[in-house]
Amino acid sequence: MLKLAKLPDRTPIKIGLTVTPDLAQALGDYTAIYNRIYGDKAEMADLIPAMLEAFLVSDRAFVKARKDGEANS
């Protein structure tokens, strides 16, 4: 058996999202600052999935509940 396990399904899933004007402004500001700091040309849509993933992995209560199988209840 290889040390590297088979990679999980990485097929992107498109999700529509509606946000408040204030959140849209904050996301636009974040994108501008990100691009300035990293010298990048990322779009807001490129950053949102990474932001959501970072939020979810940092939410200890969510991680614990998910580990305990509460998401499937």
N, C-alpha and C. Protein backbone atom coordinates (compact mmCIF):
# COMPACT_ATOMS: atom_id res chain seq x y z
N MET A 1 0.85 -1.18 0.00
CA MET A 1 0.00 0.00 0.00
C MET A 1 0.90 1.24 0.00
N LEU A 2 0.53 2.23 -0.77
CA LEU A 2 1.28 3.48 -0.81
C LEU A 2 1.05 4.29 0.45
N LYS A 3 2.02 5.10 0.82
CA LYS A 3 1.86 5.98 1.98
C LYS A 3 0.77 7.03 1.74
N LEU A 4 0.67 7.48 0.49
CA LEU A 4 -0.33 8.48 0.14
C LEU A 4 -1.63 7.77 -0.19
N ALA A 5 -2.68 8.09 0.56
CA ALA A 5 -3.98 7.51 0.31
C ALA A 5 -4.57 8.09 -0.98
N LYS A 6 -5.56 7.41 -1.52
CA LYS A 6 -6.22 7.89 -2.72
C LYS A 6 -6.81 9.27 -2.42
N LEU A 7 -6.60 10.19 -3.34
CA LEU A 7 -7.11 11.55 -3.14
C LEU A 7 -8.63 11.55 -3.14
N PRO A 8 -9.24 12.40 -2.31
CA PRO A 8 -10.70 12.49 -2.28
C PRO A 8 -11.22 13.18 -3.54
N ASP A 9 -12.50 13.08 -3.76
CA ASP A 9 -13.14 13.74 -4.89
C ASP A 9 -12.91 15.24 -4.76
N ARG A 10 -12.33 15.83 -5.78
CA ARG A 10 -12.04 17.27 -5.75
C ARG A 10 -12.86 18.02 -6.81
N THR A 11 -13.94 17.40 -7.27
CA THR A 11 -14.79 18.05 -8.26
C THR A 11 -15.48 19.23 -7.60
N PRO A 12 -15.28 20.44 -8.14
CA PRO A 12 -15.91 21.60 -7.52
C PRO A 12 -17.44 21.54 -7.61
N ILE A 13 -18.09 22.06 -6.60
CA ILE A 13 -19.55 22.15 -6.56
C ILE A 13 -19.90 23.62 -6.48
N LYS A 14 -20.69 24.08 -7.43
CA LYS A 14 -21.06 25.50 -7.47
C LYS A 14 -22.23 25.74 -6.52
N ILE A 15 -22.09 26.77 -5.70
CA ILE A 15 -23.13 27.17 -4.75
C ILE A 15 -23.42 28.65 -4.97
N GLY A 16 -24.68 28.98 -5.17
CA GLY A 16 -25.07 30.39 -5.29
C GLY A 16 -25.13 31.01 -3.91
N LEU A 17 -24.77 32.27 -3.82
CA LEU A 17 -24.70 32.93 -2.51
C LEU A 17 -25.18 34.37 -2.64
N THR A 18 -26.06 34.77 -1.77
CA THR A 18 -26.52 36.15 -1.71
C THR A 18 -26.06 36.73 -0.38
N VAL A 19 -25.43 37.91 -0.42
CA VAL A 19 -24.91 38.53 0.80
C VAL A 19 -25.46 39.95 0.94
N THR A 20 -25.33 40.49 2.12
CA THR A 20 -25.76 41.86 2.36
C THR A 20 -24.77 42.83 1.70
N PRO A 21 -25.20 44.05 1.44
CA PRO A 21 -24.28 45.03 0.86
C PRO A 21 -23.04 45.26 1.73
N ASP A 22 -23.21 45.27 3.04
CA ASP A 22 -22.06 45.46 3.94
C ASP A 22 -21.06 44.32 3.82
N LEU A 23 -21.55 43.09 3.74
CA LEU A 23 -20.65 41.95 3.60
C LEU A 23 -19.97 41.97 2.24
N ALA A 24 -20.70 42.34 1.19
CA ALA A 24 -20.11 42.44 -0.14
C ALA A 24 -18.97 43.47 -0.14
N GLN A 25 -19.19 44.58 0.55
CA GLN A 25 -18.15 45.61 0.63
C GLN A 25 -16.93 45.09 1.39
N ALA A 26 -17.18 44.39 2.51
CA ALA A 26 -16.08 43.84 3.31
C ALA A 26 -15.30 42.80 2.50
N LEU A 27 -16.00 41.96 1.76
CA LEU A 27 -15.32 40.96 0.94
C LEU A 27 -14.51 41.62 -0.18
N GLY A 28 -15.06 42.67 -0.76
CA GLY A 28 -14.31 43.41 -1.78
C GLY A 28 -13.07 44.05 -1.20
N ASP A 29 -13.21 44.63 -0.01
CA ASP A 29 -12.06 45.24 0.66
C ASP A 29 -11.00 44.18 0.98
N TYR A 30 -11.45 43.03 1.47
CA TYR A 30 -10.51 41.95 1.80
C TYR A 30 -9.76 41.51 0.55
N THR A 31 -10.49 41.37 -0.55
CA THR A 31 -9.87 40.96 -1.80
C THR A 31 -8.82 41.97 -2.25
N ALA A 32 -9.14 43.25 -2.15
CA ALA A 32 -8.19 44.29 -2.54
C ALA A 32 -6.93 44.25 -1.67
N ILE A 33 -7.12 44.10 -0.36
CA ILE A 33 -5.98 44.05 0.56
C ILE A 33 -5.15 42.79 0.30
N TYR A 34 -5.82 41.65 0.11
CA TYR A 34 -5.14 40.40 -0.20
C TYR A 34 -4.27 40.56 -1.44
N ASN A 35 -4.84 41.12 -2.48
CA ASN A 35 -4.11 41.30 -3.74
C ASN A 35 -2.94 42.25 -3.59
N ARG A 36 -3.12 43.30 -2.80
CA ARG A 36 -2.02 44.25 -2.58
C ARG A 36 -0.89 43.59 -1.79
N ILE A 37 -1.24 42.86 -0.74
CA ILE A 37 -0.23 42.22 0.10
C ILE A 37 0.53 41.14 -0.65
N TYR A 38 -0.19 40.32 -1.42
CA TYR A 38 0.45 39.19 -2.09
C TYR A 38 0.81 39.46 -3.55
N GLY A 39 0.54 40.67 -4.03
CA GLY A 39 0.83 40.98 -5.42
C GLY A 39 0.10 40.07 -6.38
N ASP A 40 -1.13 39.72 -6.01
CA ASP A 40 -1.92 38.76 -6.77
C ASP A 40 -3.06 39.47 -7.50
N LYS A 41 -3.79 38.73 -8.30
CA LYS A 41 -4.97 39.26 -8.99
C LYS A 41 -6.16 38.34 -8.74
N ALA A 42 -6.26 37.83 -7.51
CA ALA A 42 -7.34 36.92 -7.16
C ALA A 42 -8.68 37.64 -7.20
N GLU A 43 -9.70 36.92 -7.58
CA GLU A 43 -11.06 37.43 -7.55
C GLU A 43 -11.70 37.06 -6.22
N MET A 44 -12.73 37.81 -5.84
CA MET A 44 -13.44 37.52 -4.60
C MET A 44 -13.91 36.07 -4.57
N ALA A 45 -14.42 35.58 -5.69
CA ALA A 45 -14.91 34.21 -5.76
C ALA A 45 -13.80 33.19 -5.53
N ASP A 46 -12.55 33.56 -5.78
CA ASP A 46 -11.42 32.67 -5.51
C ASP A 46 -11.12 32.59 -4.02
N LEU A 47 -11.37 33.67 -3.30
CA LEU A 47 -11.02 33.74 -1.89
C LEU A 47 -12.09 33.19 -0.96
N ILE A 48 -13.35 33.33 -1.34
CA ILE A 48 -14.45 32.93 -0.45
C ILE A 48 -14.35 31.47 -0.01
N PRO A 49 -14.10 30.50 -0.91
CA PRO A 49 -13.98 29.11 -0.42
C PRO A 49 -12.87 28.93 0.61
N ALA A 50 -11.73 29.60 0.41
CA ALA A 50 -10.63 29.49 1.38
C ALA A 50 -11.01 30.13 2.71
N MET A 51 -11.74 31.24 2.65
CA MET A 51 -12.20 31.90 3.88
C MET A 51 -13.15 30.98 4.65
N LEU A 52 -14.09 30.38 3.94
CA LEU A 52 -15.05 29.49 4.60
C LEU A 52 -14.35 28.28 5.21
N GLU A 53 -13.41 27.71 4.47
CA GLU A 53 -12.68 26.56 4.98
C GLU A 53 -11.89 26.92 6.23
N ALA A 54 -11.21 28.09 6.20
CA ALA A 54 -10.44 28.53 7.37
C ALA A 54 -11.36 28.76 8.57
N PHE A 55 -12.53 29.31 8.32
CA PHE A 55 -13.49 29.54 9.40
C PHE A 55 -13.93 28.21 10.01
N LEU A 56 -14.31 27.25 9.16
CA LEU A 56 -14.82 25.97 9.66
C LEU A 56 -13.77 25.20 10.45
N VAL A 57 -12.54 25.16 9.97
CA VAL A 57 -11.51 24.40 10.70
C VAL A 57 -11.10 25.09 11.99
N SER A 58 -11.39 26.39 12.13
CA SER A 58 -11.04 27.10 13.36
C SER A 58 -12.17 27.10 14.38
N ASP A 59 -13.34 26.59 14.01
CA ASP A 59 -14.49 26.56 14.92
C ASP A 59 -14.45 25.25 15.71
N ARG A 60 -13.90 25.31 16.89
CA ARG A 60 -13.68 24.10 17.68
C ARG A 60 -14.96 23.36 18.00
N ALA A 61 -16.04 24.08 18.30
CA ALA A 61 -17.31 23.42 18.61
C ALA A 61 -17.83 22.66 17.39
N PHE A 62 -17.70 23.26 16.21
CA PHE A 62 -18.13 22.59 14.98
C PHE A 62 -17.29 21.34 14.72
N VAL A 63 -15.97 21.48 14.84
CA VAL A 63 -15.07 20.35 14.59
C VAL A 63 -15.40 19.20 15.53
N LYS A 64 -15.62 19.51 16.81
CA LYS A 64 -15.93 18.47 17.79
C LYS A 64 -17.28 17.82 17.48
N ALA A 65 -18.30 18.64 17.21
CA ALA A 65 -19.62 18.09 16.92
C ALA A 65 -19.58 17.21 15.66
N ARG A 66 -18.84 17.64 14.69
CA ARG A 66 -18.73 16.86 13.45
C ARG A 66 -18.01 15.54 13.72
N LYS A 67 -16.95 15.60 14.52
CA LYS A 67 -16.21 14.39 14.88
C LYS A 67 -17.08 13.42 15.65
N ASP A 68 -17.95 13.97 16.51
CA ASP A 68 -18.85 13.15 17.32
C ASP A 68 -20.05 12.63 16.52
N GLY A 69 -20.12 12.97 15.24
CA GLY A 69 -21.18 12.48 14.37
C GLY A 69 -22.47 13.25 14.46
N GLU A 70 -22.45 14.43 15.06
CA GLU A 70 -23.67 15.21 15.22
C GLU A 70 -24.22 15.75 13.91
N ALA A 71 -23.40 15.83 12.87
CA ALA A 71 -23.86 16.34 11.59
C ALA A 71 -24.80 15.35 10.92
N ASN A 72 -24.70 14.09 11.29
CA ASN A 72 -25.52 13.04 10.67
C ASN A 72 -26.76 12.71 11.48
N SER A 73 -27.03 13.47 12.52
CA SER A 73 -28.17 13.18 13.39
C SER A 73 -29.45 13.72 12.80
